[in-house]
């Protein structure tokens, strides 16, 4: 769980340096684009309408 934050700090200090900030920005952007895709998929599923038709 929280080990990712500890290891990131150690690697930033020993290996990568300030480039870790850039990697966080790139991976955060990729995660945000994934969220947008999942949101679009979720909007297309008419779950509430199907439940109302059954009543």
Protein backbone atom coordinates (compact mmCIF):
# COMPACT_ATOMS: atom_id res chain seq x y z
CA UNK A 1 0.00 0.00 0.00
CA UNK A 2 2.02 2.93 1.24
CA UNK A 3 5.39 1.49 0.23
CA UNK A 4 5.11 3.17 -3.14
CA UNK A 5 5.53 6.56 -1.49
CA UNK A 6 8.54 5.47 0.54
CA UNK A 7 10.29 3.87 -2.42
CA UNK A 8 9.61 6.87 -4.63
CA UNK A 9 11.36 9.14 -2.16
CA UNK A 10 14.37 6.85 -1.92
CA UNK A 11 14.69 6.53 -5.67
CA UNK A 12 14.30 10.26 -6.15
CA UNK A 13 17.11 10.94 -3.73
CA UNK A 14 19.49 8.26 -5.00
CA UNK A 15 18.81 7.86 -8.71
CA UNK A 16 16.42 10.17 -10.50
CA UNK A 17 16.57 13.49 -8.73
CA UNK A 18 14.16 16.20 -9.90
CA UNK A 19 12.98 14.05 -12.84
CA UNK A 20 10.62 12.29 -10.42
CA UNK A 21 8.34 15.33 -10.53
CA UNK A 22 8.11 14.99 -14.30
CA UNK A 23 7.32 11.29 -14.02
CA UNK A 24 4.51 12.07 -11.55
CA UNK A 25 3.06 14.62 -13.99
CA UNK A 26 3.22 12.17 -16.90
CA UNK A 27 1.67 9.30 -14.95
CA UNK A 28 -0.98 11.59 -13.46
CA UNK A 29 -1.93 12.75 -16.95
CA UNK A 30 -2.24 9.15 -18.12
CA UNK A 31 -4.42 8.31 -15.11
CA UNK A 32 -6.63 11.33 -15.78
CA UNK A 33 -7.12 10.29 -19.41
CA UNK A 34 -8.08 6.80 -18.21
CA UNK A 35 -10.65 8.31 -15.85
CA UNK A 36 -12.17 10.25 -18.74
CA UNK A 37 -12.45 7.05 -20.80
CA UNK A 38 -14.11 5.14 -17.97
CA UNK A 39 -16.49 8.04 -17.42
CA UNK A 40 -17.52 7.98 -21.07
CA UNK A 41 -18.12 4.23 -20.87
CA UNK A 42 -20.18 4.57 -17.70
CA UNK A 43 -22.39 7.26 -19.19
CA UNK A 44 -23.29 4.99 -22.11
CA UNK A 45 -24.72 2.25 -19.87
CA UNK A 46 -28.41 2.96 -19.23
CA UNK A 47 -28.71 1.19 -15.87
CA UNK A 48 -31.27 3.49 -14.24
CA UNK A 49 -33.57 3.44 -17.26
CA UNK A 50 -33.62 -0.36 -17.31
CA UNK A 51 -34.54 -0.53 -13.64
CA UNK A 52 -37.40 1.92 -14.11
CA UNK A 53 -38.85 -0.16 -16.97
CA UNK A 54 -39.00 -3.25 -14.75
CA UNK A 55 -41.24 -1.56 -12.18
